[in-house]
N, C-alpha and C. Protein backbone atom coordinates (compact mmCIF):
# COMPACT_ATOMS: atom_id res chain seq x y z
N MET A 1 2.36 13.99 18.52
CA MET A 1 2.36 13.46 17.17
C MET A 1 1.25 14.14 16.39
N SER A 2 1.55 14.44 15.18
CA SER A 2 0.57 15.13 14.36
C SER A 2 0.40 14.44 13.02
N ARG A 3 -0.49 13.48 12.99
CA ARG A 3 -0.77 12.78 11.73
C ARG A 3 -1.28 13.77 10.67
N LEU A 4 -2.12 14.70 11.12
CA LEU A 4 -2.69 15.66 10.16
C LEU A 4 -1.62 16.58 9.59
N ALA A 5 -0.64 16.98 10.41
CA ALA A 5 0.43 17.85 9.92
C ALA A 5 1.30 17.11 8.90
N VAL A 6 1.58 15.85 9.15
CA VAL A 6 2.38 15.06 8.20
C VAL A 6 1.60 14.87 6.90
N LYS A 7 0.32 14.54 7.00
CA LYS A 7 -0.50 14.40 5.79
C LYS A 7 -0.57 15.71 5.03
N ASP A 8 -0.68 16.83 5.74
CA ASP A 8 -0.74 18.13 5.10
C ASP A 8 0.57 18.42 4.37
N TYR A 9 1.70 18.06 4.97
CA TYR A 9 3.00 18.23 4.32
C TYR A 9 3.04 17.44 3.01
N PHE A 10 2.60 16.18 3.06
CA PHE A 10 2.61 15.34 1.86
C PHE A 10 1.68 15.91 0.79
N ARG A 11 0.54 16.45 1.20
CA ARG A 11 -0.39 17.05 0.23
C ARG A 11 0.28 18.24 -0.46
N ARG A 12 0.97 19.07 0.31
CA ARG A 12 1.67 20.22 -0.28
C ARG A 12 2.75 19.78 -1.26
N GLN A 13 3.42 18.68 -0.96
CA GLN A 13 4.45 18.18 -1.87
C GLN A 13 3.82 17.66 -3.16
N MET A 14 2.66 17.04 -3.07
CA MET A 14 2.00 16.52 -4.27
C MET A 14 1.50 17.64 -5.17
N ALA A 15 1.34 18.85 -4.62
CA ALA A 15 0.95 20.01 -5.44
C ALA A 15 2.07 20.39 -6.42
N LEU A 16 3.28 19.87 -6.20
CA LEU A 16 4.41 20.16 -7.09
C LEU A 16 4.41 19.29 -8.35
N LEU A 17 3.53 18.30 -8.40
CA LEU A 17 3.48 17.41 -9.57
C LEU A 17 3.13 18.18 -10.83
N ASP A 18 3.75 17.78 -11.93
CA ASP A 18 3.47 18.38 -13.22
C ASP A 18 2.98 17.27 -14.14
N ILE A 19 1.66 17.04 -14.13
CA ILE A 19 1.09 15.95 -14.93
C ILE A 19 0.00 16.51 -15.85
N PRO A 20 -0.27 15.81 -16.98
CA PRO A 20 -1.16 16.36 -18.01
C PRO A 20 -2.66 16.11 -17.77
N VAL A 21 -3.04 15.57 -16.63
CA VAL A 21 -4.45 15.31 -16.34
C VAL A 21 -4.80 15.88 -14.97
N PRO A 22 -6.09 16.09 -14.68
CA PRO A 22 -6.47 16.55 -13.34
C PRO A 22 -6.01 15.55 -12.28
N CYS A 23 -5.60 16.06 -11.13
CA CYS A 23 -5.11 15.20 -10.05
C CYS A 23 -5.77 15.59 -8.73
N ALA A 24 -6.45 14.63 -8.09
CA ALA A 24 -7.05 14.85 -6.78
C ALA A 24 -6.13 14.23 -5.73
N VAL A 25 -5.81 14.99 -4.69
CA VAL A 25 -4.99 14.49 -3.59
C VAL A 25 -5.89 14.47 -2.36
N LEU A 26 -6.11 13.27 -1.81
CA LEU A 26 -7.11 13.06 -0.76
C LEU A 26 -6.49 12.42 0.48
N ASN A 27 -7.15 12.62 1.63
CA ASN A 27 -6.72 11.97 2.88
C ASN A 27 -7.37 10.61 3.08
N GLN A 28 -8.46 10.35 2.42
CA GLN A 28 -9.17 9.08 2.56
C GLN A 28 -9.51 8.56 1.17
N ARG A 29 -9.49 7.25 1.03
CA ARG A 29 -9.83 6.64 -0.26
C ARG A 29 -11.30 6.93 -0.58
N PRO A 30 -11.57 7.44 -1.78
CA PRO A 30 -12.96 7.72 -2.15
C PRO A 30 -13.73 6.43 -2.43
N LYS A 31 -15.05 6.48 -2.24
CA LYS A 31 -15.88 5.30 -2.55
C LYS A 31 -15.86 5.00 -4.03
N GLU A 32 -15.84 6.06 -4.82
CA GLU A 32 -15.79 5.89 -6.27
C GLU A 32 -15.15 7.13 -6.87
N ILE A 33 -14.62 6.95 -8.08
CA ILE A 33 -14.07 8.09 -8.80
C ILE A 33 -14.77 8.17 -10.15
N ALA A 34 -14.83 9.36 -10.68
CA ALA A 34 -15.51 9.56 -11.97
C ALA A 34 -14.70 8.92 -13.09
N VAL A 35 -15.40 8.49 -14.13
CA VAL A 35 -14.72 7.93 -15.29
C VAL A 35 -14.17 9.08 -16.12
N GLY A 36 -12.94 8.98 -16.53
CA GLY A 36 -12.28 10.01 -17.31
C GLY A 36 -10.80 10.05 -16.99
N ASP A 37 -9.99 10.56 -17.90
CA ASP A 37 -8.55 10.62 -17.68
C ASP A 37 -8.25 11.49 -16.46
N GLN A 38 -7.58 10.89 -15.47
CA GLN A 38 -7.28 11.61 -14.22
C GLN A 38 -6.32 10.81 -13.37
N ALA A 39 -5.76 11.49 -12.37
CA ALA A 39 -4.93 10.84 -11.36
C ALA A 39 -5.56 11.10 -9.99
N VAL A 40 -5.43 10.13 -9.11
CA VAL A 40 -5.90 10.27 -7.73
C VAL A 40 -4.79 9.76 -6.83
N ILE A 41 -4.45 10.54 -5.81
CA ILE A 41 -3.45 10.14 -4.83
C ILE A 41 -4.09 10.21 -3.45
N VAL A 42 -4.04 9.10 -2.72
CA VAL A 42 -4.60 9.03 -1.37
C VAL A 42 -3.44 8.92 -0.39
N ILE A 43 -3.41 9.83 0.57
CA ILE A 43 -2.33 9.88 1.57
C ILE A 43 -2.86 9.32 2.88
N ASN A 44 -2.15 8.34 3.42
CA ASN A 44 -2.52 7.79 4.71
C ASN A 44 -1.27 7.39 5.47
N ILE A 45 -1.34 7.45 6.77
CA ILE A 45 -0.22 7.00 7.59
C ILE A 45 -0.53 5.58 8.01
N ALA A 46 0.21 4.64 7.42
CA ALA A 46 -0.05 3.22 7.63
C ALA A 46 0.44 2.73 8.98
N HIS A 47 1.54 3.31 9.45
CA HIS A 47 2.14 2.83 10.70
C HIS A 47 3.00 3.94 11.28
N SER A 48 2.98 4.09 12.60
CA SER A 48 3.84 5.05 13.28
C SER A 48 4.44 4.40 14.50
N LYS A 49 5.68 4.73 14.79
CA LYS A 49 6.33 4.25 16.01
C LYS A 49 6.91 5.46 16.72
N GLU A 50 6.45 5.67 17.96
CA GLU A 50 6.83 6.82 18.76
C GLU A 50 7.79 6.39 19.85
N VAL A 51 8.94 7.08 19.96
CA VAL A 51 9.97 6.73 20.93
C VAL A 51 10.41 7.99 21.65
N ARG A 52 10.52 7.92 22.99
CA ARG A 52 11.01 9.06 23.76
C ARG A 52 12.47 9.29 23.40
N PHE A 53 12.79 10.54 23.10
CA PHE A 53 14.12 10.92 22.66
C PHE A 53 14.89 11.57 23.82
N THR A 54 14.20 12.49 24.55
CA THR A 54 14.80 13.14 25.72
C THR A 54 13.76 13.27 26.82
N MET A 55 14.22 13.40 28.04
CA MET A 55 13.34 13.59 29.21
C MET A 55 13.26 15.08 29.50
N PRO A 56 12.34 15.56 30.33
CA PRO A 56 11.27 14.86 31.02
C PRO A 56 10.04 14.64 30.15
N ARG A 57 9.09 13.96 30.71
CA ARG A 57 7.92 13.51 29.96
C ARG A 57 7.15 14.65 29.29
N THR A 58 6.85 15.73 29.95
CA THR A 58 5.99 16.76 29.35
C THR A 58 6.73 17.74 28.45
N THR A 59 8.02 17.94 28.68
CA THR A 59 8.76 18.93 27.89
C THR A 59 9.89 18.31 27.07
N GLY A 60 10.09 17.02 27.20
CA GLY A 60 11.13 16.35 26.43
C GLY A 60 10.69 16.14 24.99
N ASN A 61 11.57 15.55 24.20
CA ASN A 61 11.28 15.32 22.79
C ASN A 61 10.98 13.85 22.51
N LYS A 62 10.14 13.66 21.51
CA LYS A 62 9.83 12.31 21.02
C LYS A 62 10.13 12.25 19.53
N LYS A 63 10.66 11.13 19.11
CA LYS A 63 10.90 10.88 17.69
C LYS A 63 9.80 9.94 17.22
N ILE A 64 9.18 10.27 16.10
CA ILE A 64 8.10 9.45 15.56
C ILE A 64 8.47 9.06 14.13
N ASP A 65 8.60 7.77 13.90
CA ASP A 65 8.86 7.26 12.56
C ASP A 65 7.52 6.87 11.94
N HIS A 66 7.19 7.51 10.83
CA HIS A 66 5.93 7.25 10.13
C HIS A 66 6.21 6.47 8.84
N GLN A 67 5.34 5.53 8.55
CA GLN A 67 5.30 4.91 7.23
C GLN A 67 4.08 5.53 6.54
N VAL A 68 4.34 6.45 5.64
CA VAL A 68 3.26 7.14 4.94
C VAL A 68 2.95 6.36 3.67
N ARG A 69 1.70 5.94 3.56
CA ARG A 69 1.28 5.17 2.38
C ARG A 69 0.60 6.09 1.39
N LEU A 70 1.12 6.07 0.16
CA LEU A 70 0.50 6.80 -0.94
C LEU A 70 -0.11 5.78 -1.88
N ASP A 71 -1.42 5.81 -2.02
CA ASP A 71 -2.11 4.98 -3.00
C ASP A 71 -2.31 5.84 -4.23
N LEU A 72 -1.71 5.42 -5.34
CA LEU A 72 -1.74 6.20 -6.58
C LEU A 72 -2.60 5.50 -7.62
N PHE A 73 -3.47 6.27 -8.26
CA PHE A 73 -4.36 5.75 -9.29
C PHE A 73 -4.21 6.64 -10.52
N TRP A 74 -4.18 6.02 -11.70
CA TRP A 74 -4.17 6.76 -12.96
C TRP A 74 -5.23 6.12 -13.84
N VAL A 75 -6.24 6.88 -14.20
CA VAL A 75 -7.32 6.40 -15.04
C VAL A 75 -7.09 6.96 -16.44
N SER A 76 -7.06 6.08 -17.44
CA SER A 76 -6.73 6.52 -18.80
C SER A 76 -7.57 5.80 -19.84
N SER A 77 -7.84 6.50 -20.92
CA SER A 77 -8.56 5.89 -22.04
C SER A 77 -7.60 5.18 -22.99
N ASP A 78 -6.31 5.37 -22.81
CA ASP A 78 -5.30 4.76 -23.67
C ASP A 78 -4.33 3.96 -22.81
N GLU A 79 -4.32 2.64 -23.00
CA GLU A 79 -3.51 1.80 -22.11
C GLU A 79 -2.01 2.03 -22.27
N GLN A 80 -1.53 2.35 -23.46
CA GLN A 80 -0.10 2.57 -23.67
C GLN A 80 0.34 3.95 -23.13
N ASP A 81 -0.33 5.00 -23.61
CA ASP A 81 0.02 6.34 -23.13
C ASP A 81 -0.25 6.47 -21.63
N GLY A 82 -1.33 5.87 -21.17
CA GLY A 82 -1.66 5.92 -19.74
C GLY A 82 -0.61 5.23 -18.89
N GLY A 83 -0.14 4.07 -19.37
CA GLY A 83 0.89 3.35 -18.63
C GLY A 83 2.18 4.13 -18.56
N ASN A 84 2.56 4.77 -19.66
CA ASN A 84 3.77 5.60 -19.67
C ASN A 84 3.62 6.81 -18.75
N ALA A 85 2.46 7.44 -18.79
CA ALA A 85 2.22 8.61 -17.94
C ALA A 85 2.22 8.20 -16.47
N PHE A 86 1.67 7.02 -16.17
CA PHE A 86 1.66 6.53 -14.79
C PHE A 86 3.09 6.30 -14.29
N ASP A 87 3.93 5.72 -15.13
CA ASP A 87 5.34 5.53 -14.76
C ASP A 87 6.01 6.87 -14.48
N GLN A 88 5.69 7.88 -15.28
CA GLN A 88 6.26 9.21 -15.06
C GLN A 88 5.76 9.81 -13.74
N LEU A 89 4.49 9.56 -13.41
CA LEU A 89 3.95 10.02 -12.13
C LEU A 89 4.73 9.40 -10.98
N LEU A 90 4.96 8.09 -11.05
CA LEU A 90 5.71 7.41 -9.98
C LEU A 90 7.10 8.01 -9.82
N GLU A 91 7.77 8.30 -10.94
CA GLU A 91 9.11 8.90 -10.88
C GLU A 91 9.07 10.32 -10.31
N GLN A 92 8.04 11.09 -10.68
CA GLN A 92 7.93 12.45 -10.16
C GLN A 92 7.74 12.46 -8.65
N VAL A 93 6.90 11.55 -8.15
CA VAL A 93 6.67 11.47 -6.71
C VAL A 93 7.99 11.18 -6.00
N ASP A 94 8.75 10.19 -6.48
CA ASP A 94 10.04 9.88 -5.87
C ASP A 94 10.96 11.09 -5.91
N GLY A 95 11.00 11.77 -7.05
CA GLY A 95 11.88 12.92 -7.21
C GLY A 95 11.56 14.05 -6.25
N ILE A 96 10.27 14.27 -6.00
CA ILE A 96 9.86 15.32 -5.05
C ILE A 96 10.43 15.04 -3.67
N PHE A 97 10.33 13.79 -3.21
CA PHE A 97 10.81 13.48 -1.87
C PHE A 97 12.32 13.34 -1.80
N ARG A 98 12.96 12.98 -2.91
CA ARG A 98 14.43 12.95 -2.93
C ARG A 98 15.01 14.35 -2.76
N ALA A 99 14.32 15.34 -3.30
CA ALA A 99 14.84 16.71 -3.31
C ALA A 99 14.26 17.60 -2.21
N ALA A 100 13.37 17.07 -1.39
CA ALA A 100 12.71 17.90 -0.37
C ALA A 100 13.73 18.41 0.66
N PRO A 101 13.76 19.73 0.88
CA PRO A 101 14.69 20.27 1.88
C PRO A 101 14.25 19.89 3.29
N MET A 102 15.21 19.50 4.10
CA MET A 102 14.93 19.11 5.48
C MET A 102 15.88 19.87 6.39
N PRO A 103 15.52 20.13 7.65
CA PRO A 103 14.24 19.81 8.29
C PRO A 103 13.14 20.78 7.85
N GLU A 104 11.90 20.39 8.12
CA GLU A 104 10.73 21.17 7.75
C GLU A 104 9.85 21.35 8.99
N SER A 105 9.53 22.60 9.31
CA SER A 105 8.65 22.87 10.46
C SER A 105 7.22 22.55 10.06
N LEU A 106 6.51 21.85 10.97
CA LEU A 106 5.11 21.48 10.74
C LEU A 106 4.24 22.09 11.83
N THR A 107 2.99 22.33 11.50
CA THR A 107 2.00 22.78 12.47
C THR A 107 0.74 21.97 12.25
N ASP A 108 0.23 21.37 13.32
CA ASP A 108 -1.01 20.60 13.22
C ASP A 108 -2.15 21.54 12.85
N PRO A 109 -2.88 21.26 11.76
CA PRO A 109 -3.95 22.17 11.34
C PRO A 109 -5.13 22.24 12.32
N GLU A 110 -5.28 21.26 13.18
CA GLU A 110 -6.38 21.27 14.15
C GLU A 110 -5.96 21.87 15.49
N SER A 111 -4.85 21.38 16.06
CA SER A 111 -4.45 21.81 17.41
C SER A 111 -3.45 22.96 17.41
N GLY A 112 -2.77 23.18 16.28
CA GLY A 112 -1.73 24.21 16.23
C GLY A 112 -0.41 23.76 16.83
N ALA A 113 -0.32 22.50 17.26
CA ALA A 113 0.91 21.99 17.88
C ALA A 113 2.04 21.94 16.86
N PRO A 114 3.23 22.44 17.26
CA PRO A 114 4.37 22.43 16.34
C PRO A 114 5.14 21.11 16.41
N SER A 115 5.79 20.77 15.32
CA SER A 115 6.72 19.65 15.29
C SER A 115 7.67 19.89 14.13
N THR A 116 8.65 19.02 14.00
CA THR A 116 9.65 19.18 12.93
C THR A 116 9.78 17.86 12.18
N LEU A 117 9.69 17.94 10.88
CA LEU A 117 9.94 16.78 10.03
C LEU A 117 11.44 16.75 9.76
N LEU A 118 12.11 15.71 10.28
CA LEU A 118 13.57 15.62 10.18
C LEU A 118 14.02 14.98 8.87
N PHE A 119 13.33 13.92 8.49
CA PHE A 119 13.70 13.16 7.29
C PHE A 119 12.43 12.77 6.55
N VAL A 120 12.52 12.76 5.23
CA VAL A 120 11.45 12.22 4.41
C VAL A 120 12.08 11.71 3.11
N GLY A 121 11.63 10.55 2.65
CA GLY A 121 12.08 10.04 1.38
C GLY A 121 13.43 9.36 1.39
N GLU A 122 14.01 9.14 2.57
CA GLU A 122 15.28 8.42 2.64
C GLU A 122 15.06 6.95 2.28
N ASP A 123 13.84 6.50 2.45
CA ASP A 123 13.47 5.12 2.13
C ASP A 123 12.09 5.16 1.47
N ILE A 124 12.03 4.77 0.20
CA ILE A 124 10.77 4.76 -0.55
C ILE A 124 10.59 3.38 -1.16
N GLU A 125 9.47 2.76 -0.89
CA GLU A 125 9.15 1.44 -1.44
C GLU A 125 7.94 1.58 -2.36
N THR A 126 8.01 0.98 -3.54
CA THR A 126 6.92 1.08 -4.51
C THR A 126 6.47 -0.31 -4.93
N ALA A 127 5.16 -0.54 -4.91
CA ALA A 127 4.57 -1.78 -5.41
C ALA A 127 3.54 -1.40 -6.47
N VAL A 128 3.79 -1.84 -7.71
CA VAL A 128 2.88 -1.54 -8.82
C VAL A 128 1.99 -2.75 -9.05
N ASN A 129 0.69 -2.51 -9.20
CA ASN A 129 -0.28 -3.58 -9.41
C ASN A 129 -0.56 -3.76 -10.90
N GLU A 130 -1.17 -4.87 -11.23
CA GLU A 130 -1.60 -5.10 -12.62
C GLU A 130 -2.67 -4.08 -12.99
N PRO A 131 -2.64 -3.54 -14.20
CA PRO A 131 -3.68 -2.60 -14.63
C PRO A 131 -5.06 -3.27 -14.58
N LEU A 132 -6.04 -2.48 -14.20
CA LEU A 132 -7.41 -2.97 -14.11
C LEU A 132 -8.14 -2.67 -15.42
N LEU A 133 -8.56 -3.73 -16.09
CA LEU A 133 -9.33 -3.61 -17.33
C LEU A 133 -10.68 -4.25 -17.05
N ASP A 134 -11.71 -3.46 -16.99
CA ASP A 134 -13.02 -3.97 -16.60
C ASP A 134 -14.09 -3.35 -17.48
N GLU A 135 -15.10 -4.13 -17.84
CA GLU A 135 -16.18 -3.61 -18.68
C GLU A 135 -16.89 -2.43 -18.04
N SER A 136 -16.97 -2.43 -16.71
CA SER A 136 -17.69 -1.35 -16.03
C SER A 136 -16.94 -0.02 -16.10
N LEU A 137 -15.69 -0.04 -16.57
CA LEU A 137 -14.90 1.19 -16.65
C LEU A 137 -15.10 1.93 -17.97
N LEU A 138 -16.01 1.45 -18.80
CA LEU A 138 -16.35 2.11 -20.05
C LEU A 138 -15.13 2.35 -20.94
N GLY A 139 -14.30 1.33 -21.07
CA GLY A 139 -13.13 1.43 -21.93
C GLY A 139 -11.92 2.07 -21.30
N MET A 140 -12.00 2.44 -20.02
CA MET A 140 -10.87 3.06 -19.34
C MET A 140 -9.99 1.97 -18.72
N VAL A 141 -8.74 2.30 -18.50
CA VAL A 141 -7.78 1.42 -17.83
C VAL A 141 -7.36 2.13 -16.54
N VAL A 142 -7.28 1.38 -15.44
CA VAL A 142 -6.86 1.96 -14.17
C VAL A 142 -5.52 1.36 -13.77
N PHE A 143 -4.53 2.23 -13.65
CA PHE A 143 -3.19 1.84 -13.20
C PHE A 143 -3.10 2.20 -11.72
N THR A 144 -2.56 1.29 -10.90
CA THR A 144 -2.47 1.56 -9.46
C THR A 144 -1.11 1.15 -8.92
N ALA A 145 -0.71 1.84 -7.87
CA ALA A 145 0.52 1.51 -7.17
C ALA A 145 0.39 2.00 -5.73
N THR A 146 1.19 1.41 -4.87
CA THR A 146 1.29 1.86 -3.49
C THR A 146 2.74 2.19 -3.21
N LYS A 147 2.95 3.36 -2.64
CA LYS A 147 4.29 3.76 -2.21
C LYS A 147 4.28 3.88 -0.69
N ILE A 148 5.32 3.39 -0.06
CA ILE A 148 5.54 3.61 1.37
C ILE A 148 6.75 4.53 1.47
N VAL A 149 6.51 5.71 2.03
CA VAL A 149 7.57 6.71 2.18
C VAL A 149 7.81 6.89 3.68
N LEU A 150 9.05 6.65 4.11
CA LEU A 150 9.36 6.82 5.53
C LEU A 150 9.62 8.29 5.83
N ALA A 151 9.06 8.74 6.96
CA ALA A 151 9.22 10.12 7.41
C ALA A 151 9.48 10.11 8.91
N THR A 152 10.42 10.92 9.37
CA THR A 152 10.73 11.00 10.80
C THR A 152 10.38 12.39 11.30
N GLU A 153 9.56 12.42 12.36
CA GLU A 153 9.08 13.66 12.95
C GLU A 153 9.62 13.78 14.38
N LEU A 154 9.93 15.00 14.79
CA LEU A 154 10.36 15.26 16.16
C LEU A 154 9.33 16.18 16.78
N THR A 155 8.84 15.81 17.97
CA THR A 155 7.82 16.61 18.62
C THR A 155 8.09 16.65 20.13
N GLN A 156 7.43 17.55 20.80
CA GLN A 156 7.60 17.68 22.25
C GLN A 156 6.46 16.95 22.95
N GLY A 157 6.78 16.37 24.11
CA GLY A 157 5.70 15.72 24.86
C GLY A 157 6.16 14.63 25.75
C-alpha cells in the first residue's frame, strides 16, 4: 500500500485547477494560514481497507479501497464573490475526478514500490460548512468543505 503515492496522485490532479487566487495543496493541515484571498487544499487518507485479491502472500495482489479526504478552504475578502468562487472550486474538483483516465500507474515516492490506481471519483461525498466570519480574520471570510473521494488501488504483496 502506498499512501504517499495516492496522495501524490491527488496533488497532481489538483494542479489542474483553474482558479483566480493562489492555491496551496498540502499533505497535512497547516497550523495557520496567511490572511489574504487564497485557496488551501489538504489531502489526507482518512480510511483504507486492504483485502487480498490473489494468492500467494508475497507475490499475489491486494486491493486497497481508500477514502481520501480533501479539506478545502477558500479565504476571501468578499463574502458573495468568495462564496461563488468556492462553489466553482468544489465543482472543478469533482470534474477533475469524473474525467480522470483510469487505470493510472503509481510509484511510491519514498520506496519506489509500484501500484495501480484502478478507480477514482466513482463515489464523491461533499460536506460544506458554514462560512467562518471572525474578527480575528481582519474582514476575511473563510469557506470550508470536506470531500471524501473513494479510490481503489491494486498492489502486490
